[in-house]
Amino acid sequence: MIKATFNKENDRYTRYQITGHANYADLGKDIVCAAVSALYTAITNKLICCSAVTINDNEVLINVENEVCDTLVDTLYTALSDIQMHYPDNVSVDIEEKKTAKVRYAVHGYSKVFGSEEEAVSFAESVSVPDNQVLTIYPPGLAQSSFDKVN
């Protein structure tokens, strides 16, 4: 079975890997293998030409965050998912998605934003603002519990 795994972080593709054999037909006559190979090769080669990826142990790592790269990888994901629908015994496509966000801090009444709570508290103290006026800023559209906090 061919196994394709895609990883996304914050709605952007970060890596993909395709391994295995379709075993749909004899060598040289396997249309499932040919389809997967053609898609993988065409899209990965285009990403390599754009210096957007590196390949590490059969895993394609996406180095550039832009709409073109995401569209190309999404095309690969969608096409392989279509093949999986028609040949579920020969192709498996999985996607792992993760949401992360950088939390920022602010001091009530000031427009400055800080990368750490300690910086915000220090600034608050320097302008004689109580610690309870230090605010945590969560990214828009994400509830506090829906992502992994990264500082």
C-alpha atoms as a PDB file:
ATOM      1  CA  MET A   1       0.000   0.000   0.000  1.00  0.00           C
ATOM      2  CA  ILE A   2       1.134   3.544  -0.743  1.00  0.00           C
ATOM      3  CA  LYS A   3       0.957   5.735   2.350  1.00  0.00           C
ATOM      4  CA  ALA A   4       0.947   9.514   1.963  1.00  0.00           C
ATOM      5  CA  THR A   5       1.198  11.679   5.063  1.00  0.00           C
ATOM      6  CA  PHE A   6       0.812  15.455   5.032  1.00  0.00           C
ATOM      7  CA  ASN A   7       1.467  17.813   7.936  1.00  0.00           C
ATOM      8  CA  LYS A   8      -0.060  21.255   8.357  1.00  0.00           C
ATOM      9  CA  GLU A   9       0.589  23.891  10.965  1.00  0.00           C
ATOM     10  CA  ASN A  10      -1.719  26.904  11.212  1.00  0.00           C
ATOM     11  CA  ASP A  11      -3.372  26.000   7.881  1.00  0.00           C
ATOM     12  CA  ARG A  12      -0.042  25.847   6.011  1.00  0.00           C
ATOM     13  CA  TYR A  13       1.603  22.667   4.762  1.00  0.00           C
ATOM     14  CA  THR A  14       4.943  22.006   6.471  1.00  0.00           C
ATOM     15  CA  ARG A  15       5.924  18.563   5.133  1.00  0.00           C
ATOM     16  CA  TYR A  16       4.773  15.482   3.277  1.00  0.00           C
ATOM     17  CA  GLN A  17       5.999  11.955   2.745  1.00  0.00           C
ATOM     18  CA  ILE A  18       4.941   9.193   0.381  1.00  0.00           C
ATOM     19  CA  THR A  19       6.116   5.626   0.952  1.00  0.00           C
ATOM     20  CA  GLY A  20       5.252   2.079  -0.067  1.00  0.00           C
ATOM     21  CA  HIS A  21       4.005   0.322  -3.174  1.00  0.00           C
ATOM     22  CA  ALA A  22       0.474   0.172  -4.592  1.00  0.00           C
ATOM     23  CA  ASN A  23       0.617  -3.517  -5.568  1.00  0.00           C
ATOM     24  CA  TYR A  24      -2.367  -2.960  -7.841  1.00  0.00           C
ATOM     25  CA  ALA A  25      -0.829  -4.740 -10.836  1.00  0.00           C
ATOM     26  CA  ASP A  26       2.400  -6.288 -12.085  1.00  0.00           C
ATOM     27  CA  LEU A  27       5.520  -4.157 -12.343  1.00  0.00           C
ATOM     28  CA  GLY A  28       5.235  -1.837 -15.334  1.00  0.00           C
ATOM     29  CA  LYS A  29       1.447  -2.155 -15.474  1.00  0.00           C
ATOM     30  CA  ASP A  30       0.511  -0.591 -12.110  1.00  0.00           C
ATOM     31  CA  ILE A  31      -1.617   2.436 -13.013  1.00  0.00           C
ATOM     32  CA  VAL A  32      -2.071   3.410  -9.349  1.00  0.00           C
ATOM     33  CA  CYS A  33       1.663   3.534  -8.762  1.00  0.00           C
ATOM     34  CA  ALA A  34       2.152   5.445 -12.013  1.00  0.00           C
ATOM     35  CA  ALA A  35      -0.450   8.064 -11.069  1.00  0.00           C
ATOM     36  CA  VAL A  36       0.969   8.618  -7.579  1.00  0.00           C
ATOM     37  CA  SER A  37       4.550   8.727  -8.890  1.00  0.00           C
ATOM     38  CA  ALA A  38       3.701  11.217 -11.627  1.00  0.00           C
ATOM     39  CA  LEU A  39       1.916  13.571  -9.223  1.00  0.00           C
ATOM     40  CA  TYR A  40       4.630  13.343  -6.571  1.00  0.00           C
ATOM     41  CA  THR A  41       7.450  13.844  -9.063  1.00  0.00           C
ATOM     42  CA  ALA A  42       5.864  16.758 -10.927  1.00  0.00           C
ATOM     43  CA  ILE A  43       4.851  18.733  -7.842  1.00  0.00           C
ATOM     44  CA  THR A  44       7.974  18.003  -5.813  1.00  0.00           C
ATOM     45  CA  ASN A  45      10.250  18.903  -8.742  1.00  0.00           C
ATOM     46  CA  LYS A  46       8.446  22.229  -9.191  1.00  0.00           C
ATOM     47  CA  LEU A  47       8.860  22.979  -5.473  1.00  0.00           C
ATOM     48  CA  ILE A  48      12.573  22.053  -5.703  1.00  0.00           C
ATOM     49  CA  CYS A  49      13.010  24.380  -8.705  1.00  0.00           C
ATOM     50  CA  CYS A  50      11.503  27.207  -6.649  1.00  0.00           C
ATOM     51  CA  SER A  51      13.917  26.412  -3.774  1.00  0.00           C
ATOM     52  CA  ALA A  52      10.838  25.925  -1.606  1.00  0.00           C
ATOM     53  CA  VAL A  53      11.628  22.475  -0.217  1.00  0.00           C
ATOM     54  CA  THR A  54      14.372  20.204   0.972  1.00  0.00           C
ATOM     55  CA  ILE A  55      14.220  16.434   1.003  1.00  0.00           C
ATOM     56  CA  ASN A  56      15.381  14.606   4.108  1.00  0.00           C
ATOM     57  CA  ASP A  57      15.130  10.811   4.319  1.00  0.00           C
ATOM     58  CA  ASN A  58      12.244  10.597   1.830  1.00  0.00           C
ATOM     59  CA  GLU A  59      10.377  13.410   3.608  1.00  0.00           C
ATOM     60  CA  VAL A  60       9.720  16.676   1.787  1.00  0.00           C
ATOM     61  CA  LEU A  61      10.160  19.664   4.109  1.00  0.00           C
ATOM     62  CA  ILE A  62       8.532  22.895   2.982  1.00  0.00           C
ATOM     63  CA  ASN A  63      10.815  25.862   3.678  1.00  0.00           C
ATOM     64  CA  VAL A  64       8.807  28.686   2.151  1.00  0.00           C
ATOM     65  CA  GLU A  65       5.435  29.931   3.356  1.00  0.00           C
ATOM     66  CA  ASN A  66       3.508  31.300   0.409  1.00  0.00           C
ATOM     67  CA  GLU A  67       0.266  30.712  -1.410  1.00  0.00           C
ATOM     68  CA  VAL A  68       1.875  29.101  -4.471  1.00  0.00           C
ATOM     69  CA  CYS A  69       3.658  26.424  -2.403  1.00  0.00           C
ATOM     70  CA  ASP A  70       0.511  25.756  -0.398  1.00  0.00           C
ATOM     71  CA  THR A  71      -1.557  25.463  -3.579  1.00  0.00           C
ATOM     72  CA  LEU A  72       0.882  23.000  -5.143  1.00  0.00           C
ATOM     73  CA  VAL A  73       0.997  20.786  -2.046  1.00  0.00           C
ATOM     74  CA  ASP A  74      -2.779  21.021  -1.650  1.00  0.00           C
ATOM     75  CA  THR A  75      -3.123  19.909  -5.273  1.00  0.00           C
ATOM     76  CA  LEU A  76      -0.991  16.853  -4.479  1.00  0.00           C
ATOM     77  CA  TYR A  77      -3.043  16.131  -1.350  1.00  0.00           C
ATOM     78  CA  THR A  78      -6.365  16.501  -3.207  1.00  0.00           C
ATOM     79  CA  ALA A  79      -5.279  14.379  -6.171  1.00  0.00           C
ATOM     80  CA  LEU A  80      -3.948  11.592  -3.937  1.00  0.00           C
ATOM     81  CA  SER A  81      -7.161  11.713  -1.884  1.00  0.00           C
ATOM     82  CA  ASP A  82      -9.128  11.246  -5.111  1.00  0.00           C
ATOM     83  CA  ILE A  83      -6.983   8.232  -6.019  1.00  0.00           C
ATOM     84  CA  GLN A  84      -7.518   6.848  -2.511  1.00  0.00           C
ATOM     85  CA  MET A  85     -11.315   7.061  -3.008  1.00  0.00           C
ATOM     86  CA  HIS A  86     -11.069   4.862  -6.118  1.00  0.00           C
ATOM     87  CA  TYR A  87      -8.318   2.541  -4.841  1.00  0.00           C
ATOM     88  CA  PRO A  88      -8.709   2.351  -1.036  1.00  0.00           C
ATOM     89  CA  ASP A  89      -6.848  -0.973  -0.851  1.00  0.00           C
ATOM     90  CA  ASN A  90      -3.807   0.547  -2.538  1.00  0.00           C
ATOM     91  CA  VAL A  91      -3.511   4.140  -1.327  1.00  0.00           C
ATOM     92  CA  SER A  92      -3.867   5.717   2.112  1.00  0.00           C
ATOM     93  CA  VAL A  93      -3.726   9.497   2.585  1.00  0.00           C
ATOM     94  CA  ASP A  94      -3.560  11.090   6.026  1.00  0.00           C
ATOM     95  CA  ILE A  95      -3.215  14.652   7.179  1.00  0.00           C
ATOM     96  CA  GLU A  96      -2.051  15.804  10.589  1.00  0.00           C
ATOM     97  CA  GLU A  97      -2.979  19.347  11.509  1.00  0.00           C
ATOM     98  CA  LYS A  98      -1.645  21.424  14.367  1.00  0.00           C
ATOM     99  CA  LYS A  99      -2.529  24.899  15.540  1.00  0.00           C
ATOM    100  CA  THR A 100       0.131  26.934  17.270  1.00  0.00           C
ATOM    101  CA  ALA A 101       0.221  30.594  18.080  1.00  0.00           C
ATOM    102  CA  LYS A 102       2.551  33.113  19.566  1.00  0.00           C
ATOM    103  CA  VAL A 103       0.899  34.757  22.512  1.00  0.00           C
ATOM    104  CA  ARG A 104       1.682  38.438  22.947  1.00  0.00           C
ATOM    105  CA  TYR A 105       1.298  40.712  25.934  1.00  0.00           C
ATOM    106  CA  ALA A 106       0.273  44.333  26.307  1.00  0.00           C
ATOM    107  CA  VAL A 107      -0.141  46.879  29.071  1.00  0.00           C
ATOM    108  CA  HIS A 108      -3.587  48.440  29.376  1.00  0.00           C
ATOM    109  CA  GLY A 109      -3.525  52.006  28.070  1.00  0.00           C
ATOM    110  CA  TYR A 110      -0.354  51.587  25.978  1.00  0.00           C
ATOM    111  CA  SER A 111      -0.009  50.538  22.341  1.00  0.00           C
ATOM    112  CA  LYS A 112       3.282  48.657  22.779  1.00  0.00           C
ATOM    113  CA  VAL A 113       3.178  44.845  22.408  1.00  0.00           C
ATOM    114  CA  PHE A 114       5.615  42.497  24.183  1.00  0.00           C
ATOM    115  CA  GLY A 115       6.827  38.991  23.362  1.00  0.00           C
ATOM    116  CA  SER A 116       6.897  37.824  26.971  1.00  0.00           C
ATOM    117  CA  GLU A 117       4.904  38.423  30.111  1.00  0.00           C
ATOM    118  CA  GLU A 118       8.092  39.411  31.952  1.00  0.00           C
ATOM    119  CA  GLU A 119       8.787  42.228  29.462  1.00  0.00           C
ATOM    120  CA  ALA A 120       5.231  43.512  29.818  1.00  0.00           C
ATOM    121  CA  VAL A 121       5.358  43.439  33.623  1.00  0.00           C
ATOM    122  CA  SER A 122       8.708  45.234  33.617  1.00  0.00           C
ATOM    123  CA  PHE A 123       7.311  47.931  31.337  1.00  0.00           C
ATOM    124  CA  ALA A 124       4.178  48.235  33.471  1.00  0.00           C
ATOM    125  CA  GLU A 125       6.308  48.750  36.559  1.00  0.00           C
ATOM    126  CA  SER A 126       8.420  51.386  34.784  1.00  0.00           C
ATOM    127  CA  VAL A 127       5.321  53.452  33.984  1.00  0.00           C
ATOM    128  CA  SER A 128       3.682  52.821  37.376  1.00  0.00           C
ATOM    129  CA  VAL A 129       0.865  50.623  36.070  1.00  0.00           C
ATOM    130  CA  PRO A 130      -0.278  47.725  38.335  1.00  0.00           C
ATOM    131  CA  ASP A 131       0.610  44.160  37.264  1.00  0.00           C
ATOM    132  CA  ASN A 132      -3.069  43.313  36.852  1.00  0.00           C
ATOM    133  CA  GLN A 133      -3.164  45.680  33.883  1.00  0.00           C
ATOM    134  CA  VAL A 134      -0.876  43.390  31.846  1.00  0.00           C
ATOM    135  CA  LEU A 135      -3.066  41.756  29.198  1.00  0.00           C
ATOM    136  CA  THR A 136      -2.578  38.499  27.329  1.00  0.00           C
ATOM    137  CA  ILE A 137      -3.314  38.833  23.618  1.00  0.00           C
ATOM    138  CA  TYR A 138      -4.511  35.680  21.863  1.00  0.00           C
ATOM    139  CA  PRO A 139      -4.475  35.529  18.059  1.00  0.00           C
ATOM    140  CA  PRO A 140      -7.789  36.399  16.386  1.00  0.00           C
ATOM    141  CA  GLY A 141     -10.131  33.486  15.805  1.00  0.00           C
ATOM    142  CA  LEU A 142      -8.405  31.154  18.230  1.00  0.00           C
ATOM    143  CA  ALA A 143      -9.854  30.350  21.615  1.00  0.00           C
ATOM    144  CA  GLN A 144      -7.295  30.139  24.410  1.00  0.00           C
ATOM    145  CA  SER A 145      -7.565  26.349  24.630  1.00  0.00           C
ATOM    146  CA  SER A 146      -7.514  25.607  20.880  1.00  0.00           C
ATOM    147  CA  PHE A 147      -3.777  25.936  20.269  1.00  0.00           C
ATOM    148  CA  ASP A 148      -0.370  25.172  21.715  1.00  0.00           C
ATOM    149  CA  LYS A 149       1.141  28.274  23.340  1.00  0.00           C
ATOM    150  CA  VAL A 150       4.550  29.135  21.876  1.00  0.00           C
ATOM    151  CA  ASN A 151       6.668  31.963  23.278  1.00  0.00           C
END
